[in-house]
Amino acid sequence: GRRVFLVDGSTLSMPDTPANQAAYPQQKSQAPGCGFPLARIVGLFSLATGAVWDLLVGDWKTSELKMARQLYEQLAPQDILVGDRLFGSYADFWMLQTQEIDGLFRMHQRRKADFRKGKRLGKNDHLAIWTKPKQRPQGLPRKIYDQLPETLTIRELKHALQRKGFRTKQVTLTTTLLDLKAYPRDDLAELFGTRWSVELNLRHLKTTMGMDVLSTQTPQMVRKE
């Protein structure tokens, strides 16, 4: 009975014109005259319909996370946002909670879950206390960092994720959906498994609409395209 949105990003190249290069510079690893302008897109997708709810376009140097934060205002209280490990930071969980929005993300590789600690909900399922980062993360505005509470209660759970055509793998998920009865572990794992559809949505859109490489010559027309 709650709306679920998926968040993900991708990149698009375009004709090598001076105007496009100025707005969407090529990657620094490419020599001048040997690369193409590159734009980054980040979108919200409705899980129920697959429709693009909103989309942002920026240059490749702007992180997906920074762009995704601009999309939070498009969400409403009681919505649920599902994304990969990039989006499940301490600050982002708090930013979503202030809007009464829940998140479900894969645990970032820099974090380690210790299921021997915290309030046990079941096997490989517990409530953990996260503490505020001692240093402001790169890209997080000082104003937001200063507002962060000293601790957050986050649910961590490990589950075997199965996807047709791929090997089964163990993933650790993090969420603010803390109620075990309302949100059983298997249901959360199944919900996170639907995240793969957002990557397929982006792939299908780019392929079907010929968007792997855009065709227009100016930044204004690139955004329109």
C-alpha atoms as a PDB file:
ATOM      1  CA  GLY A   1       0.000   0.000   0.000  1.00  0.00           C
ATOM      2  CA  ARG A   2       2.956   2.362  -0.384  1.00  0.00           C
ATOM      3  CA  ARG A   3       4.491   3.886  -3.501  1.00  0.00           C
ATOM      4  CA  VAL A   4       7.957   2.605  -4.357  1.00  0.00           C
ATOM      5  CA  PHE A   5      10.470   4.461  -6.507  1.00  0.00           C
ATOM      6  CA  LEU A   6      13.746   3.235  -7.973  1.00  0.00           C
ATOM      7  CA  VAL A   7      16.715   5.551  -8.471  1.00  0.00           C
ATOM      8  CA  ASP A   8      19.641   5.027 -10.818  1.00  0.00           C
ATOM      9  CA  GLY A   9      21.892   6.843 -13.233  1.00  0.00           C
ATOM     10  CA  SER A  10      23.677   6.433 -16.549  1.00  0.00           C
ATOM     11  CA  THR A  11      25.744   8.412 -19.050  1.00  0.00           C
ATOM     12  CA  LEU A  12      25.177   9.595 -22.625  1.00  0.00           C
ATOM     13  CA  SER A  13      27.632  10.857 -25.231  1.00  0.00           C
ATOM     14  CA  MET A  14      26.925  13.402 -27.940  1.00  0.00           C
ATOM     15  CA  PRO A  15      28.484  15.143 -30.968  1.00  0.00           C
ATOM     16  CA  ASP A  16      31.861  16.764 -30.340  1.00  0.00           C
ATOM     17  CA  THR A  17      30.971  20.445 -30.749  1.00  0.00           C
ATOM     18  CA  PRO A  18      32.511  23.363 -28.801  1.00  0.00           C
ATOM     19  CA  ALA A  19      29.160  24.152 -27.172  1.00  0.00           C
ATOM     20  CA  ASN A  20      28.598  20.563 -26.056  1.00  0.00           C
ATOM     21  CA  GLN A  21      32.178  20.287 -24.777  1.00  0.00           C
ATOM     22  CA  ALA A  22      31.713  23.445 -22.710  1.00  0.00           C
ATOM     23  CA  ALA A  23      28.528  22.170 -21.049  1.00  0.00           C
ATOM     24  CA  TYR A  24      29.384  18.466 -20.855  1.00  0.00           C
ATOM     25  CA  PRO A  25      33.188  18.100 -20.969  1.00  0.00           C
ATOM     26  CA  GLN A  26      34.735  14.827 -22.073  1.00  0.00           C
ATOM     27  CA  GLN A  27      36.521  12.688 -19.489  1.00  0.00           C
ATOM     28  CA  LYS A  28      39.994  13.898 -18.514  1.00  0.00           C
ATOM     29  CA  SER A  29      41.536  10.563 -19.455  1.00  0.00           C
ATOM     30  CA  GLN A  30      40.774  11.327 -23.103  1.00  0.00           C
ATOM     31  CA  ALA A  31      43.118  13.548 -25.084  1.00  0.00           C
ATOM     32  CA  PRO A  32      41.658  16.748 -26.575  1.00  0.00           C
ATOM     33  CA  GLY A  33      40.081  16.010 -29.937  1.00  0.00           C
ATOM     34  CA  CYS A  34      39.968  12.263 -29.207  1.00  0.00           C
ATOM     35  CA  GLY A  35      36.852  12.065 -27.044  1.00  0.00           C
ATOM     36  CA  PHE A  36      33.218  13.032 -26.942  1.00  0.00           C
ATOM     37  CA  PRO A  37      31.211  15.232 -24.555  1.00  0.00           C
ATOM     38  CA  LEU A  38      29.597  13.161 -21.810  1.00  0.00           C
ATOM     39  CA  ALA A  39      26.417  13.849 -19.851  1.00  0.00           C
ATOM     40  CA  ARG A  40      25.233  12.098 -16.707  1.00  0.00           C
ATOM     41  CA  ILE A  41      21.541  11.381 -16.144  1.00  0.00           C
ATOM     42  CA  VAL A  42      19.855  10.343 -12.901  1.00  0.00           C
ATOM     43  CA  GLY A  43      16.207   9.369 -12.799  1.00  0.00           C
ATOM     44  CA  LEU A  44      13.379   8.300 -10.531  1.00  0.00           C
ATOM     45  CA  PHE A  45      11.277   5.432 -11.838  1.00  0.00           C
ATOM     46  CA  SER A  46       7.930   4.221 -10.565  1.00  0.00           C
ATOM     47  CA  LEU A  47       8.225   0.572  -9.586  1.00  0.00           C
ATOM     48  CA  ALA A  48       4.522  -0.004 -10.295  1.00  0.00           C
ATOM     49  CA  THR A  49       4.576   1.267 -13.887  1.00  0.00           C
ATOM     50  CA  GLY A  50       8.227   1.658 -14.908  1.00  0.00           C
ATOM     51  CA  ALA A  51       7.498   5.263 -15.906  1.00  0.00           C
ATOM     52  CA  VAL A  52      10.146   7.948 -15.545  1.00  0.00           C
ATOM     53  CA  TRP A  53       8.900  10.121 -12.671  1.00  0.00           C
ATOM     54  CA  ASP A  54      11.634  12.720 -13.017  1.00  0.00           C
ATOM     55  CA  LEU A  55      15.059  13.015 -14.644  1.00  0.00           C
ATOM     56  CA  LEU A  56      18.078  15.277 -14.184  1.00  0.00           C
ATOM     57  CA  VAL A  57      20.865  15.936 -16.683  1.00  0.00           C
ATOM     58  CA  GLY A  58      24.342  17.073 -15.646  1.00  0.00           C
ATOM     59  CA  ASP A  59      27.973  16.702 -16.608  1.00  0.00           C
ATOM     60  CA  TRP A  60      29.870  13.505 -15.787  1.00  0.00           C
ATOM     61  CA  LYS A  61      31.841  15.225 -12.999  1.00  0.00           C
ATOM     62  CA  THR A  62      28.661  15.683 -10.944  1.00  0.00           C
ATOM     63  CA  SER A  63      28.084  12.570  -8.833  1.00  0.00           C
ATOM     64  CA  GLU A  64      24.926  10.489  -9.125  1.00  0.00           C
ATOM     65  CA  LEU A  65      24.346  10.927  -5.403  1.00  0.00           C
ATOM     66  CA  LYS A  66      24.456  14.722  -5.566  1.00  0.00           C
ATOM     67  CA  MET A  67      21.979  14.684  -8.445  1.00  0.00           C
ATOM     68  CA  ALA A  68      19.726  12.150  -6.715  1.00  0.00           C
ATOM     69  CA  ARG A  69      19.417  14.416  -3.667  1.00  0.00           C
ATOM     70  CA  GLN A  70      17.805  17.028  -5.892  1.00  0.00           C
ATOM     71  CA  LEU A  71      15.088  14.491  -6.721  1.00  0.00           C
ATOM     72  CA  TYR A  72      14.062  13.806  -3.106  1.00  0.00           C
ATOM     73  CA  GLU A  73      11.662  16.754  -3.198  1.00  0.00           C
ATOM     74  CA  GLN A  74       9.662  14.898  -5.849  1.00  0.00           C
ATOM     75  CA  LEU A  75       8.832  12.205  -3.287  1.00  0.00           C
ATOM     76  CA  ALA A  76       5.961  12.307  -0.785  1.00  0.00           C
ATOM     77  CA  PRO A  77       5.650  11.097   2.821  1.00  0.00           C
ATOM     78  CA  GLN A  78       5.309   7.295   3.055  1.00  0.00           C
ATOM     79  CA  ASP A  79       7.090   6.729  -0.262  1.00  0.00           C
ATOM     80  CA  ILE A  80       9.894   4.158  -0.344  1.00  0.00           C
ATOM     81  CA  LEU A  81      13.093   4.735  -2.319  1.00  0.00           C
ATOM     82  CA  VAL A  82      15.139   1.736  -3.480  1.00  0.00           C
ATOM     83  CA  GLY A  83      18.660   2.026  -4.857  1.00  0.00           C
ATOM     84  CA  ASP A  84      22.109   0.493  -4.982  1.00  0.00           C
ATOM     85  CA  ARG A  85      24.879   0.938  -2.418  1.00  0.00           C
ATOM     86  CA  LEU A  86      25.795   4.421  -3.634  1.00  0.00           C
ATOM     87  CA  PHE A  87      22.616   5.952  -2.209  1.00  0.00           C
ATOM     88  CA  GLY A  88      22.468   4.438   1.299  1.00  0.00           C
ATOM     89  CA  SER A  89      24.678   6.919   3.150  1.00  0.00           C
ATOM     90  CA  TYR A  90      24.144   8.180   6.701  1.00  0.00           C
ATOM     91  CA  ALA A  91      23.203  11.634   5.446  1.00  0.00           C
ATOM     92  CA  ASP A  92      20.794  10.348   2.816  1.00  0.00           C
ATOM     93  CA  PHE A  93      18.912   8.114   5.243  1.00  0.00           C
ATOM     94  CA  TRP A  94      18.467  11.165   7.486  1.00  0.00           C
ATOM     95  CA  MET A  95      17.466  13.452   4.611  1.00  0.00           C
ATOM     96  CA  LEU A  96      14.787  10.964   3.552  1.00  0.00           C
ATOM     97  CA  GLN A  97      13.558  10.453   7.118  1.00  0.00           C
ATOM     98  CA  THR A  98      13.008  14.194   7.551  1.00  0.00           C
ATOM     99  CA  GLN A  99      10.451  13.880   4.722  1.00  0.00           C
ATOM    100  CA  GLU A 100       8.933  10.698   6.248  1.00  0.00           C
ATOM    101  CA  ILE A 101      10.350   8.648   3.375  1.00  0.00           C
ATOM    102  CA  ASP A 102      11.902   5.209   3.887  1.00  0.00           C
ATOM    103  CA  GLY A 103      14.940   3.915   2.049  1.00  0.00           C
ATOM    104  CA  LEU A 104      16.113   0.436   1.089  1.00  0.00           C
ATOM    105  CA  PHE A 105      19.657   0.219  -0.247  1.00  0.00           C
ATOM    106  CA  ARG A 106      22.501  -2.223  -0.529  1.00  0.00           C
ATOM    107  CA  MET A 107      25.119  -1.639   2.163  1.00  0.00           C
ATOM    108  CA  HIS A 108      28.082   0.428   1.008  1.00  0.00           C
ATOM    109  CA  GLN A 109      31.275  -1.588   0.628  1.00  0.00           C
ATOM    110  CA  ARG A 110      33.043   0.577   3.212  1.00  0.00           C
ATOM    111  CA  ARG A 111      30.594  -0.472   5.928  1.00  0.00           C
ATOM    112  CA  LYS A 112      30.673  -3.840   7.658  1.00  0.00           C
ATOM    113  CA  ALA A 113      27.686  -5.414   9.371  1.00  0.00           C
ATOM    114  CA  ASP A 114      28.272  -7.236  12.678  1.00  0.00           C
ATOM    115  CA  PHE A 115      25.143  -9.261  13.381  1.00  0.00           C
ATOM    116  CA  ARG A 116      26.437 -10.195  16.848  1.00  0.00           C
ATOM    117  CA  LYS A 117      25.648  -6.652  17.966  1.00  0.00           C
ATOM    118  CA  GLY A 118      22.471  -4.563  18.074  1.00  0.00           C
ATOM    119  CA  LYS A 119      18.877  -5.726  18.554  1.00  0.00           C
ATOM    120  CA  ARG A 120      18.449  -9.120  16.922  1.00  0.00           C
ATOM    121  CA  LEU A 121      15.342  -9.544  14.739  1.00  0.00           C
ATOM    122  CA  GLY A 122      16.275 -12.903  13.248  1.00  0.00           C
ATOM    123  CA  LYS A 123      19.156 -14.690  11.603  1.00  0.00           C
ATOM    124  CA  ASN A 124      21.324 -12.085   9.841  1.00  0.00           C
ATOM    125  CA  ASP A 125      18.713  -9.433  10.603  1.00  0.00           C
ATOM    126  CA  HIS A 126      19.154  -6.777  13.293  1.00  0.00           C
ATOM    127  CA  LEU A 127      18.835  -3.122  14.243  1.00  0.00           C
ATOM    128  CA  ALA A 128      22.162  -1.314  14.333  1.00  0.00           C
ATOM    129  CA  ILE A 129      23.102   2.107  15.668  1.00  0.00           C
ATOM    130  CA  TRP A 130      24.991   4.152  13.101  1.00  0.00           C
ATOM    131  CA  THR A 131      27.001   7.144  14.272  1.00  0.00           C
ATOM    132  CA  LYS A 132      27.481  10.439  12.505  1.00  0.00           C
ATOM    133  CA  PRO A 133      30.639  10.568  10.345  1.00  0.00           C
ATOM    134  CA  LYS A 134      33.421  12.371  12.174  1.00  0.00           C
ATOM    135  CA  GLN A 135      34.376  14.185   9.001  1.00  0.00           C
ATOM    136  CA  ARG A 136      32.036  15.756   6.476  1.00  0.00           C
ATOM    137  CA  PRO A 137      31.805  13.455   3.427  1.00  0.00           C
ATOM    138  CA  GLN A 138      32.992  14.932   0.165  1.00  0.00           C
ATOM    139  CA  GLY A 139      30.110  16.506  -1.718  1.00  0.00           C
ATOM    140  CA  LEU A 140      27.855  16.850   1.345  1.00  0.00           C
ATOM    141  CA  PRO A 141      27.035  20.520   2.023  1.00  0.00           C
ATOM    142  CA  ARG A 142      28.202  21.826   5.403  1.00  0.00           C
ATOM    143  CA  LYS A 143      24.676  23.004   6.191  1.00  0.00           C
ATOM    144  CA  ILE A 144      23.329  19.454   5.941  1.00  0.00           C
ATOM    145  CA  TYR A 145      26.274  17.887   7.787  1.00  0.00           C
ATOM    146  CA  ASP A 146      25.796  20.226  10.742  1.00  0.00           C
ATOM    147  CA  GLN A 147      22.134  19.185  11.053  1.00  0.00           C
ATOM    148  CA  LEU A 148      22.823  15.443  11.158  1.00  0.00           C
ATOM    149  CA  PRO A 149      21.887  13.723  14.447  1.00  0.00           C
ATOM    150  CA  GLU A 150      24.609  11.919  16.372  1.00  0.00           C
ATOM    151  CA  THR A 151      23.045   8.475  15.758  1.00  0.00           C
ATOM    152  CA  LEU A 152      20.544   6.723  13.485  1.00  0.00           C
ATOM    153  CA  THR A 153      18.837   3.358  13.946  1.00  0.00           C
ATOM    154  CA  ILE A 154      19.217   1.366  10.735  1.00  0.00           C
ATOM    155  CA  ARG A 155      18.100  -2.154   9.992  1.00  0.00           C
ATOM    156  CA  GLU A 156      20.751  -4.386   8.427  1.00  0.00           C
ATOM    157  CA  LEU A 157      19.953  -7.756   6.889  1.00  0.00           C
ATOM    158  CA  LYS A 158      21.810 -10.297   4.810  1.00  0.00           C
ATOM    159  CA  HIS A 159      20.040 -12.295   2.143  1.00  0.00           C
ATOM    160  CA  ALA A 160      20.813 -14.544  -0.809  1.00  0.00           C
ATOM    161  CA  LEU A 161      19.826 -12.604  -3.915  1.00  0.00           C
ATOM    162  CA  GLN A 162      18.758 -14.777  -6.819  1.00  0.00           C
ATOM    163  CA  ARG A 163      18.398 -13.480 -10.361  1.00  0.00           C
ATOM    164  CA  LYS A 164      17.666 -15.561 -13.420  1.00  0.00           C
ATOM    165  CA  GLY A 165      20.785 -16.075 -15.494  1.00  0.00           C
ATOM    166  CA  PHE A 166      23.132 -14.986 -12.689  1.00  0.00           C
ATOM    167  CA  ARG A 167      24.835 -16.756  -9.813  1.00  0.00           C
ATOM    168  CA  THR A 168      23.205 -16.467  -6.397  1.00  0.00           C
ATOM    169  CA  LYS A 169      25.086 -14.003  -4.203  1.00  0.00           C
ATOM    170  CA  GLN A 170      24.859 -12.826  -0.625  1.00  0.00           C
ATOM    171  CA  VAL A 171      24.016  -9.147  -0.242  1.00  0.00           C
ATOM    172  CA  THR A 172      23.661  -7.004   2.873  1.00  0.00           C
ATOM    173  CA  LEU A 173      20.817  -4.515   2.790  1.00  0.00           C
ATOM    174  CA  THR A 174      20.196  -1.400   4.873  1.00  0.00           C
ATOM    175  CA  THR A 175      16.803   0.161   5.497  1.00  0.00           C
ATOM    176  CA  THR A 176      14.681   2.375   7.727  1.00  0.00           C
ATOM    177  CA  LEU A 177      11.816  -0.128   7.450  1.00  0.00           C
ATOM    178  CA  LEU A 178      12.432  -1.374  10.993  1.00  0.00           C
ATOM    179  CA  ASP A 179       9.227  -3.271  11.812  1.00  0.00           C
ATOM    180  CA  LEU A 180       9.868  -7.000  11.420  1.00  0.00           C
ATOM    181  CA  LYS A 181       6.179  -7.924  11.279  1.00  0.00           C
ATOM    182  CA  ALA A 182       5.219  -5.277   8.752  1.00  0.00           C
ATOM    183  CA  TYR A 183       8.369  -5.772   6.656  1.00  0.00           C
ATOM    184  CA  PRO A 184       9.691  -9.367   6.876  1.00  0.00           C
ATOM    185  CA  ARG A 185      13.246  -9.947   5.727  1.00  0.00           C
ATOM    186  CA  ASP A 186      12.231 -12.027   2.701  1.00  0.00           C
ATOM    187  CA  ASP A 187       9.827  -9.321   1.528  1.00  0.00           C
ATOM    188  CA  LEU A 188      12.532  -6.664   1.771  1.00  0.00           C
ATOM    189  CA  ALA A 189      14.966  -8.848  -0.141  1.00  0.00           C
ATOM    190  CA  GLU A 190      12.343  -9.454  -2.824  1.00  0.00           C
ATOM    191  CA  LEU A 191      11.669  -5.725  -3.040  1.00  0.00           C
ATOM    192  CA  PHE A 192      15.358  -4.948  -3.419  1.00  0.00           C
ATOM    193  CA  GLY A 193      15.555  -7.574  -6.153  1.00  0.00           C
ATOM    194  CA  THR A 194      13.240  -5.403  -8.245  1.00  0.00           C
ATOM    195  CA  ARG A 195      15.996  -2.752  -8.323  1.00  0.00           C
ATOM    196  CA  TRP A 196      17.499  -4.594 -11.277  1.00  0.00           C
ATOM    197  CA  SER A 197      14.507  -3.459 -13.337  1.00  0.00           C
ATOM    198  CA  VAL A 198      15.645   0.173 -13.188  1.00  0.00           C
ATOM    199  CA  GLU A 199      18.892  -0.739 -14.934  1.00  0.00           C
ATOM    200  CA  LEU A 200      16.871  -2.595 -17.548  1.00  0.00           C
ATOM    201  CA  ASN A 201      14.552   0.418 -17.894  1.00  0.00           C
ATOM    202  CA  LEU A 202      17.490   2.709 -18.595  1.00  0.00           C
ATOM    203  CA  ARG A 203      19.028   0.218 -21.014  1.00  0.00           C
ATOM    204  CA  HIS A 204      15.758  -0.241 -22.888  1.00  0.00           C
ATOM    205  CA  LEU A 205      15.125   3.511 -23.094  1.00  0.00           C
ATOM    206  CA  LYS A 206      18.592   4.226 -24.423  1.00  0.00           C
ATOM    207  CA  THR A 207      18.434   1.393 -26.958  1.00  0.00           C
ATOM    208  CA  THR A 208      14.836   1.876 -28.122  1.00  0.00           C
ATOM    209  CA  MET A 209      15.122   5.652 -28.439  1.00  0.00           C
ATOM    210  CA  GLY A 210      18.643   5.634 -29.867  1.00  0.00           C
ATOM    211  CA  MET A 211      20.030   7.534 -26.894  1.00  0.00           C
ATOM    212  CA  ASP A 212      23.364   5.773 -26.417  1.00  0.00           C
ATOM    213  CA  VAL A 213      24.816   8.555 -28.554  1.00  0.00           C
ATOM    214  CA  LEU A 214      22.725  11.697 -28.891  1.00  0.00           C
ATOM    215  CA  SER A 215      22.582  13.538 -32.209  1.00  0.00           C
ATOM    216  CA  THR A 216      22.088  17.217 -31.424  1.00  0.00           C
ATOM    217  CA  GLN A 217      24.717  19.926 -31.641  1.00  0.00           C
ATOM    218  CA  THR A 218      23.965  22.250 -28.683  1.00  0.00           C
ATOM    219  CA  PRO A 219      23.394  21.743 -24.932  1.00  0.00           C
ATOM    220  CA  GLN A 220      19.859  23.147 -25.201  1.00  0.00           C
ATOM    221  CA  MET A 221      18.939  20.586 -27.854  1.00  0.00           C
ATOM    222  CA  VAL A 222      20.748  17.829 -25.960  1.00  0.00           C
ATOM    223  CA  ARG A 223      18.493  18.411 -22.955  1.00  0.00           C
ATOM    224  CA  LYS A 224      15.439  18.544 -25.202  1.00  0.00           C
ATOM    225  CA  GLU A 225      16.471  15.311 -26.917  1.00  0.00           C
END
